[in-house]
Every structure is written in structure tokens, then in C-alpha cells.
Amino acid sequence: MLDKKIEEEVRKIFEGLEKNVKLLVFTQDVECMYCEQNEELVRDISALTDKITFEVYDFVKDSEIVKKYGIDKIPAIVPLDEDGRDYSIRFFGIPSGYEFSSLLESIKLLSTGNHGLSDDTVKKIEGLQVPVHLQVYVTPTCPYCPRAVVLSHKLAYVSDRIRGDMVEAIEFPHLANKYNVMGVPKTIINEKDYIEGAVPEPVFVDKILKSIES
């Protein structure tokens, strides 16, 4: 799925990888429009470096591991670090278009551990006492969406109480309708609150904290 130019760009990015990363791919042979392309994308990028491996699981047949990682829709990708640790970073729907950069950023994050969050942000989310589920609704043509996705994934990396999902709105229209996604990115917080747009890190974090306090 990658042309030669993109392959070369990705290779250069992967030169900075330090530790190995494993990508779990959840798929299905029937009734899944982008499952085949999603798996192909992962195969293509894993071929560009020896730092990335992947495993493919069937959504129906591999029910135990599907349940273990909380996969409720497909296609899906779960990145793990080299020790197999799950940081609750999720991709639901193929990370194509602008969202391809979000997948690359998650790989870099787990490989290097460099989250880049401010000390103030880390201090605030370290004090979380309740679970936080962030669902960032995106489309492949949205240039601002990766900023929200990557931020949610960085927060999930730092706090074991946060789960950050990228959800491709076009592939899951029933969920986009449920959460009234009229524009992207739109981040749903614990099913009850939301953030519209790719807001700055302090605004994003403060909104999460105010939402769970209420």
C-alpha cells in the first residue's frame, strides 16, 4: 500500500527506533470492508525495519485474545512494546491518509519512550483516580486529526488509567451517529463528554480533568 517515496520516508523515520514494537492486528475474512487493507498496511511497514513484528488474530476465532485487549470492532491494531506491555493505545479502522502518521508516532512512542508531554501534564494525569476512555473520531482526509490522536495516545502511554482510541468515523457510521460526530477530530470522554477540534495539550488535559470531576 506504500509507494516508493513513502517507503523511503518511513525507513528514515524508523532509523530512530530503539526498542522492538509488536503490532497486533485484528481482522476477519468476511463483512469487514478494510480488514484486508489494514493487514496489508501493517505487513508493508513491518517489512521496512527489523524493529517491528506483527501478529494477526481473527475477530471471531480468537475470542480470548479479542476479549483480553477489549476489541469490540474491526479492523483494529494494538501496539505493544518489546516486553509485550499494553499501554491501551488502539486503532479502530485503517490508519490511512493523515492517520498513517498517527500509527508511525505510536510506534516511535513505544520504541523510544519519548512522549514529549509537559511536566505539568504528567503531574496532572498521574493523579487520576478513575479510568478515562478517550475515543478520538477522525477521517483520513483530516490534517488536524493526528494531533488529537497522538495526544490521546501519549496520555495513555503515561497513565495506566487512560485508554486512547483512534476511531475512523467513516468506517463506523453507527458510532459517529451515536456521538453526533459532525466534524473531526471529536474526542469522546467516558461516553458522556467531548472535545471538538485539535486543541492544545493544556486545554485537552484540563477538559478531561473537569469532565471526570463533574
C-alpha atoms as a PDB file:
ATOM      1  CA  MET A   1       0.000   0.000   0.000  1.00  0.00           C
ATOM      2  CA  LEU A   2       3.051   2.259   0.206  1.00  0.00           C
ATOM      3  CA  ASP A   3       4.722   3.758  -2.843  1.00  0.00           C
ATOM      4  CA  LYS A   4       8.496   4.004  -3.085  1.00  0.00           C
ATOM      5  CA  LYS A   5       8.661   7.607  -1.920  1.00  0.00           C
ATOM      6  CA  ILE A   6       6.658   6.912   1.229  1.00  0.00           C
ATOM      7  CA  GLU A   7       8.666   3.760   1.886  1.00  0.00           C
ATOM      8  CA  GLU A   8      11.889   5.772   1.880  1.00  0.00           C
ATOM      9  CA  GLU A   9      10.409   8.384   4.206  1.00  0.00           C
ATOM     10  CA  VAL A  10       9.219   5.699   6.616  1.00  0.00           C
ATOM     11  CA  ARG A  11      12.604   3.973   6.554  1.00  0.00           C
ATOM     12  CA  LYS A  12      14.244   7.218   7.630  1.00  0.00           C
ATOM     13  CA  ILE A  13      11.750   7.596  10.479  1.00  0.00           C
ATOM     14  CA  PHE A  14      12.378   4.027  11.587  1.00  0.00           C
ATOM     15  CA  GLU A  15      16.118   4.656  11.781  1.00  0.00           C
ATOM     16  CA  GLY A  16      15.347   6.368  15.086  1.00  0.00           C
ATOM     17  CA  LEU A  17      13.656   3.332  16.617  1.00  0.00           C
ATOM     18  CA  GLU A  18      15.382   1.907  19.675  1.00  0.00           C
ATOM     19  CA  LYS A  19      13.360  -0.993  21.076  1.00  0.00           C
ATOM     20  CA  ASN A  20      11.200  -3.516  19.285  1.00  0.00           C
ATOM     21  CA  VAL A  21       7.467  -2.983  18.823  1.00  0.00           C
ATOM     22  CA  LYS A  22       4.816  -5.608  18.139  1.00  0.00           C
ATOM     23  CA  LEU A  23       1.567  -4.806  16.335  1.00  0.00           C
ATOM     24  CA  LEU A  24      -1.468  -6.991  16.989  1.00  0.00           C
ATOM     25  CA  VAL A  25      -3.823  -6.936  14.017  1.00  0.00           C
ATOM     26  CA  PHE A  26      -7.459  -7.941  14.476  1.00  0.00           C
ATOM     27  CA  THR A  27      -9.272  -8.906  11.328  1.00  0.00           C
ATOM     28  CA  GLN A  28     -11.987 -11.038   9.735  1.00  0.00           C
ATOM     29  CA  ASP A  29     -12.382 -12.683   6.330  1.00  0.00           C
ATOM     30  CA  VAL A  30     -15.959 -11.569   5.725  1.00  0.00           C
ATOM     31  CA  GLU A  31     -18.069  -8.470   6.371  1.00  0.00           C
ATOM     32  CA  CYS A  32     -15.099  -6.207   7.035  1.00  0.00           C
ATOM     33  CA  MET A  33     -14.503  -3.698   4.284  1.00  0.00           C
ATOM     34  CA  TYR A  34     -10.975  -2.602   5.215  1.00  0.00           C
ATOM     35  CA  CYS A  35      -9.614  -5.581   7.140  1.00  0.00           C
ATOM     36  CA  GLU A  36      -7.524  -6.857   4.250  1.00  0.00           C
ATOM     37  CA  GLN A  37      -6.025  -3.425   3.563  1.00  0.00           C
ATOM     38  CA  ASN A  38      -5.357  -2.871   7.246  1.00  0.00           C
ATOM     39  CA  GLU A  39      -3.397  -6.112   7.486  1.00  0.00           C
ATOM     40  CA  GLU A  40      -1.539  -5.323   4.278  1.00  0.00           C
ATOM     41  CA  LEU A  41      -0.535  -1.916   5.643  1.00  0.00           C
ATOM     42  CA  VAL A  42       0.960  -3.485   8.747  1.00  0.00           C
ATOM     43  CA  ARG A  43       2.800  -6.072   6.660  1.00  0.00           C
ATOM     44  CA  ASP A  44       4.231  -3.329   4.474  1.00  0.00           C
ATOM     45  CA  ILE A  45       5.618  -1.209   7.302  1.00  0.00           C
ATOM     46  CA  SER A  46       6.965  -4.205   9.212  1.00  0.00           C
ATOM     47  CA  ALA A  47       8.986  -5.094   6.118  1.00  0.00           C
ATOM     48  CA  LEU A  48      10.813  -1.766   6.371  1.00  0.00           C
ATOM     49  CA  THR A  49      12.561  -2.476   9.688  1.00  0.00           C
ATOM     50  CA  ASP A  50      13.541  -5.390  11.888  1.00  0.00           C
ATOM     51  CA  LYS A  51      12.249  -3.448  14.901  1.00  0.00           C
ATOM     52  CA  ILE A  52       8.602  -4.181  14.083  1.00  0.00           C
ATOM     53  CA  THR A  53       6.845  -7.536  14.209  1.00  0.00           C
ATOM     54  CA  PHE A  54       3.152  -8.317  13.957  1.00  0.00           C
ATOM     55  CA  GLU A  55       0.595 -10.972  14.784  1.00  0.00           C
ATOM     56  CA  VAL A  56      -2.781 -11.417  13.122  1.00  0.00           C
ATOM     57  CA  TYR A  57      -5.888 -12.551  15.011  1.00  0.00           C
ATOM     58  CA  ASP A  58      -9.358 -13.432  13.796  1.00  0.00           C
ATOM     59  CA  PHE A  59     -12.119 -11.431  15.457  1.00  0.00           C
ATOM     60  CA  VAL A  60     -14.354 -14.493  15.819  1.00  0.00           C
ATOM     61  CA  LYS A  61     -11.980 -17.435  16.124  1.00  0.00           C
ATOM     62  CA  ASP A  62      -9.535 -15.809  18.546  1.00  0.00           C
ATOM     63  CA  SER A  63     -12.166 -14.707  21.038  1.00  0.00           C
ATOM     64  CA  GLU A  64      -9.944 -14.995  24.124  1.00  0.00           C
ATOM     65  CA  ILE A  65      -7.311 -12.560  22.913  1.00  0.00           C
ATOM     66  CA  VAL A  66     -10.020 -10.321  21.449  1.00  0.00           C
ATOM     67  CA  LYS A  67     -11.559 -10.128  24.922  1.00  0.00           C
ATOM     68  CA  LYS A  68      -8.167  -9.646  26.584  1.00  0.00           C
ATOM     69  CA  TYR A  69      -7.470  -6.494  24.582  1.00  0.00           C
ATOM     70  CA  GLY A  70     -11.022  -5.167  24.590  1.00  0.00           C
ATOM     71  CA  ILE A  71     -11.503  -5.295  20.822  1.00  0.00           C
ATOM     72  CA  ASP A  72     -15.153  -4.646  20.008  1.00  0.00           C
ATOM     73  CA  LYS A  73     -14.853  -3.642  16.338  1.00  0.00           C
ATOM     74  CA  ILE A  74     -12.564  -4.291  13.389  1.00  0.00           C
ATOM     75  CA  PRO A  75     -10.221  -3.696  11.738  1.00  0.00           C
ATOM     76  CA  ALA A  76      -8.105  -2.919  14.760  1.00  0.00           C
ATOM     77  CA  ILE A  77      -4.433  -2.522  15.673  1.00  0.00           C
ATOM     78  CA  VAL A  78      -2.930  -2.766  19.163  1.00  0.00           C
ATOM     79  CA  PRO A  79       0.725  -1.700  19.532  1.00  0.00           C
ATOM     80  CA  LEU A  80       2.780  -3.381  22.287  1.00  0.00           C
ATOM     81  CA  ASP A  81       6.307  -2.661  23.462  1.00  0.00           C
ATOM     82  CA  GLU A  82       9.079  -5.241  23.209  1.00  0.00           C
ATOM     83  CA  ASP A  83       8.135  -6.712  26.581  1.00  0.00           C
ATOM     84  CA  GLY A  84       4.561  -7.204  25.423  1.00  0.00           C
ATOM     85  CA  ARG A  85       3.224  -4.392  27.589  1.00  0.00           C
ATOM     86  CA  ASP A  86      -0.106  -2.940  26.523  1.00  0.00           C
ATOM     87  CA  TYR A  87      -0.393   0.829  27.001  1.00  0.00           C
ATOM     88  CA  SER A  88      -4.076   0.915  25.974  1.00  0.00           C
ATOM     89  CA  ILE A  89      -3.311   2.510  22.618  1.00  0.00           C
ATOM     90  CA  ARG A  90      -5.840   1.453  19.980  1.00  0.00           C
ATOM     91  CA  PHE A  91      -6.557   1.985  16.283  1.00  0.00           C
ATOM     92  CA  PHE A  92     -10.065   1.126  15.111  1.00  0.00           C
ATOM     93  CA  GLY A  93     -10.337   1.416  11.359  1.00  0.00           C
ATOM     94  CA  ILE A  94      -7.448   1.555   8.942  1.00  0.00           C
ATOM     95  CA  PRO A  95      -4.977   4.361   9.792  1.00  0.00           C
ATOM     96  CA  SER A  96      -4.741   5.654   6.246  1.00  0.00           C
ATOM     97  CA  GLY A  97      -4.334   9.142   4.843  1.00  0.00           C
ATOM     98  CA  TYR A  98      -3.226  11.593   7.503  1.00  0.00           C
ATOM     99  CA  GLU A  99      -3.794   8.956  10.176  1.00  0.00           C
ATOM    100  CA  PHE A 100      -0.878   6.927   8.851  1.00  0.00           C
ATOM    101  CA  SER A 101       1.324   9.401  10.718  1.00  0.00           C
ATOM    102  CA  SER A 102      -0.528   8.571  13.949  1.00  0.00           C
ATOM    103  CA  LEU A 103       0.412   4.901  13.561  1.00  0.00           C
ATOM    104  CA  LEU A 104       4.047   5.829  12.961  1.00  0.00           C
ATOM    105  CA  GLU A 105       4.022   8.095  16.016  1.00  0.00           C
ATOM    106  CA  SER A 106       2.641   5.322  18.225  1.00  0.00           C
ATOM    107  CA  ILE A 107       5.425   3.018  17.061  1.00  0.00           C
ATOM    108  CA  LYS A 108       8.042   5.673  17.815  1.00  0.00           C
ATOM    109  CA  LEU A 109       6.476   6.300  21.211  1.00  0.00           C
ATOM    110  CA  LEU A 110       6.656   2.668  22.312  1.00  0.00           C
ATOM    111  CA  SER A 111      10.109   2.191  20.814  1.00  0.00           C
ATOM    112  CA  THR A 112      11.796   5.259  22.288  1.00  0.00           C
ATOM    113  CA  GLY A 113       9.647   6.163  25.313  1.00  0.00           C
ATOM    114  CA  ASN A 114       9.856   9.827  24.340  1.00  0.00           C
ATOM    115  CA  HIS A 115       6.329  11.119  24.924  1.00  0.00           C
ATOM    116  CA  GLY A 116       7.162  14.827  24.874  1.00  0.00           C
ATOM    117  CA  LEU A 117       4.378  15.796  27.283  1.00  0.00           C
ATOM    118  CA  SER A 118       4.958  18.737  29.597  1.00  0.00           C
ATOM    119  CA  ASP A 119       5.852  18.145  33.233  1.00  0.00           C
ATOM    120  CA  ASP A 120       2.601  19.852  34.215  1.00  0.00           C
ATOM    121  CA  THR A 121       0.563  17.439  32.097  1.00  0.00           C
ATOM    122  CA  VAL A 122       2.350  14.391  33.518  1.00  0.00           C
ATOM    123  CA  LYS A 123       1.826  15.627  37.070  1.00  0.00           C
ATOM    124  CA  LYS A 124      -1.893  16.174  36.482  1.00  0.00           C
ATOM    125  CA  ILE A 125      -2.642  12.804  34.907  1.00  0.00           C
ATOM    126  CA  GLU A 126      -0.516  10.875  37.391  1.00  0.00           C
ATOM    127  CA  GLY A 127      -3.101  11.841  39.978  1.00  0.00           C
ATOM    128  CA  LEU A 128      -6.032  10.269  38.156  1.00  0.00           C
ATOM    129  CA  GLN A 129      -8.166   8.097  40.404  1.00  0.00           C
ATOM    130  CA  VAL A 130     -10.716   6.876  37.845  1.00  0.00           C
ATOM    131  CA  PRO A 131     -10.400   5.246  34.413  1.00  0.00           C
ATOM    132  CA  VAL A 132     -10.570   7.553  31.393  1.00  0.00           C
ATOM    133  CA  HIS A 133     -11.600   6.308  27.955  1.00  0.00           C
ATOM    134  CA  LEU A 134     -10.797   8.663  25.072  1.00  0.00           C
ATOM    135  CA  GLN A 135     -12.313   7.929  21.659  1.00  0.00           C
ATOM    136  CA  VAL A 136     -10.894  10.253  19.011  1.00  0.00           C
ATOM    137  CA  TYR A 137     -13.092  10.238  15.906  1.00  0.00           C
ATOM    138  CA  VAL A 138     -11.215  11.005  12.713  1.00  0.00           C
ATOM    139  CA  THR A 139     -11.294  10.774   8.928  1.00  0.00           C
ATOM    140  CA  PRO A 140      -8.320  10.029   6.642  1.00  0.00           C
ATOM    141  CA  THR A 141      -8.595  13.441   4.959  1.00  0.00           C
ATOM    142  CA  CYS A 142      -8.437  15.496   8.176  1.00  0.00           C
ATOM    143  CA  PRO A 143      -4.988  17.111   8.591  1.00  0.00           C
ATOM    144  CA  TYR A 144      -5.693  18.151  12.188  1.00  0.00           C
ATOM    145  CA  CYS A 145      -6.892  14.778  13.462  1.00  0.00           C
ATOM    146  CA  PRO A 146      -3.476  13.180  14.066  1.00  0.00           C
ATOM    147  CA  ARG A 147      -2.689  15.858  16.639  1.00  0.00           C
ATOM    148  CA  ALA A 148      -5.629  14.758  18.797  1.00  0.00           C
ATOM    149  CA  VAL A 149      -4.961  11.053  18.245  1.00  0.00           C
ATOM    150  CA  VAL A 150      -1.272  11.277  19.096  1.00  0.00           C
ATOM    151  CA  LEU A 151      -2.002  13.331  22.209  1.00  0.00           C
ATOM    152  CA  SER A 152      -4.542  10.770  23.447  1.00  0.00           C
ATOM    153  CA  HIS A 153      -2.006   8.001  22.849  1.00  0.00           C
ATOM    154  CA  LYS A 154       0.719   9.860  24.718  1.00  0.00           C
ATOM    155  CA  LEU A 155      -1.603  10.305  27.688  1.00  0.00           C
ATOM    156  CA  ALA A 156      -2.410   6.579  27.587  1.00  0.00           C
ATOM    157  CA  TYR A 157       1.304   5.819  27.497  1.00  0.00           C
ATOM    158  CA  VAL A 158       1.985   7.858  30.626  1.00  0.00           C
ATOM    159  CA  SER A 159      -1.088   6.844  32.660  1.00  0.00           C
ATOM    160  CA  ASP A 160      -2.338   3.281  33.084  1.00  0.00           C
ATOM    161  CA  ARG A 161      -5.782   4.734  33.825  1.00  0.00           C
ATOM    162  CA  ILE A 162      -6.177   6.185  30.330  1.00  0.00           C
ATOM    163  CA  ARG A 163      -7.146   4.351  27.149  1.00  0.00           C
ATOM    164  CA  GLY A 164      -6.756   6.211  23.860  1.00  0.00           C
ATOM    165  CA  ASP A 165      -8.661   5.037  20.776  1.00  0.00           C
ATOM    166  CA  MET A 166      -8.458   6.300  17.231  1.00  0.00           C
ATOM    167  CA  VAL A 167     -11.831   5.592  15.622  1.00  0.00           C
ATOM    168  CA  GLU A 168     -12.284   6.123  11.895  1.00  0.00           C
ATOM    169  CA  ALA A 169     -15.704   7.769  11.651  1.00  0.00           C
ATOM    170  CA  ILE A 170     -16.492   6.713   8.073  1.00  0.00           C
ATOM    171  CA  GLU A 171     -15.908   3.024   8.827  1.00  0.00           C
ATOM    172  CA  PHE A 172     -18.101   3.111  11.929  1.00  0.00           C
ATOM    173  CA  PRO A 173     -21.019   5.400  10.982  1.00  0.00           C
ATOM    174  CA  HIS A 174     -23.283   3.986  13.709  1.00  0.00           C
ATOM    175  CA  LEU A 175     -20.821   5.219  16.338  1.00  0.00           C
ATOM    176  CA  ALA A 176     -20.342   8.554  14.592  1.00  0.00           C
ATOM    177  CA  ASN A 177     -24.130   8.974  14.709  1.00  0.00           C
ATOM    178  CA  LYS A 178     -24.296   7.851  18.337  1.00  0.00           C
ATOM    179  CA  TYR A 179     -21.809  10.506  19.407  1.00  0.00           C
ATOM    180  CA  ASN A 180     -23.098  13.131  16.980  1.00  0.00           C
ATOM    181  CA  VAL A 181     -19.790  13.468  15.170  1.00  0.00           C
ATOM    182  CA  MET A 182     -20.472  16.324  12.761  1.00  0.00           C
ATOM    183  CA  GLY A 183     -16.842  17.388  12.461  1.00  0.00           C
ATOM    184  CA  VAL A 184     -13.464  15.860  13.219  1.00  0.00           C
ATOM    185  CA  PRO A 185     -11.484  15.421  15.296  1.00  0.00           C
ATOM    186  CA  LYS A 186     -14.009  14.874  18.063  1.00  0.00           C
ATOM    187  CA  THR A 187     -12.851  13.235  21.274  1.00  0.00           C
ATOM    188  CA  ILE A 188     -15.427  11.465  23.425  1.00  0.00           C
ATOM    189  CA  ILE A 189     -14.548  11.321  27.126  1.00  0.00           C
ATOM    190  CA  ASN A 190     -16.002   8.389  29.063  1.00  0.00           C
ATOM    191  CA  GLU A 191     -19.114   8.295  26.883  1.00  0.00           C
ATOM    192  CA  LYS A 192     -20.507  11.477  28.432  1.00  0.00           C
ATOM    193  CA  ASP A 193     -18.414  14.485  27.419  1.00  0.00           C
ATOM    194  CA  TYR A 194     -16.416  15.576  24.410  1.00  0.00           C
ATOM    195  CA  ILE A 195     -13.738  17.844  22.972  1.00  0.00           C
ATOM    196  CA  GLU A 196     -14.134  19.263  19.491  1.00  0.00           C
ATOM    197  CA  GLY A 197     -11.114  20.088  17.390  1.00  0.00           C
ATOM    198  CA  ALA A 198      -7.385  19.625  17.823  1.00  0.00           C
ATOM    199  CA  VAL A 199      -6.982  21.753  20.926  1.00  0.00           C
ATOM    200  CA  PRO A 200      -3.658  22.495  22.665  1.00  0.00           C
ATOM    201  CA  GLU A 201      -2.322  19.979  25.198  1.00  0.00           C
ATOM    202  CA  PRO A 202      -3.186  22.023  28.351  1.00  0.00           C
ATOM    203  CA  VAL A 203      -6.759  22.600  27.145  1.00  0.00           C
ATOM    204  CA  PHE A 204      -7.169  18.917  26.268  1.00  0.00           C
ATOM    205  CA  VAL A 205      -5.949  17.753  29.683  1.00  0.00           C
ATOM    206  CA  ASP A 206      -7.925  20.309  31.670  1.00  0.00           C
ATOM    207  CA  LYS A 207     -11.110  19.338  29.825  1.00  0.00           C
ATOM    208  CA  ILE A 208     -10.534  15.674  30.726  1.00  0.00           C
ATOM    209  CA  LEU A 209      -9.989  16.532  34.386  1.00  0.00           C
ATOM    210  CA  LYS A 210     -13.064  18.770  34.563  1.00  0.00           C
ATOM    211  CA  SER A 211     -15.139  16.084  32.856  1.00  0.00           C
ATOM    212  CA  ILE A 212     -14.263  13.349  35.348  1.00  0.00           C
ATOM    213  CA  GLU A 213     -14.639  15.722  38.310  1.00  0.00           C
ATOM    214  CA  SER A 214     -18.195  16.520  37.243  1.00  0.00           C
END
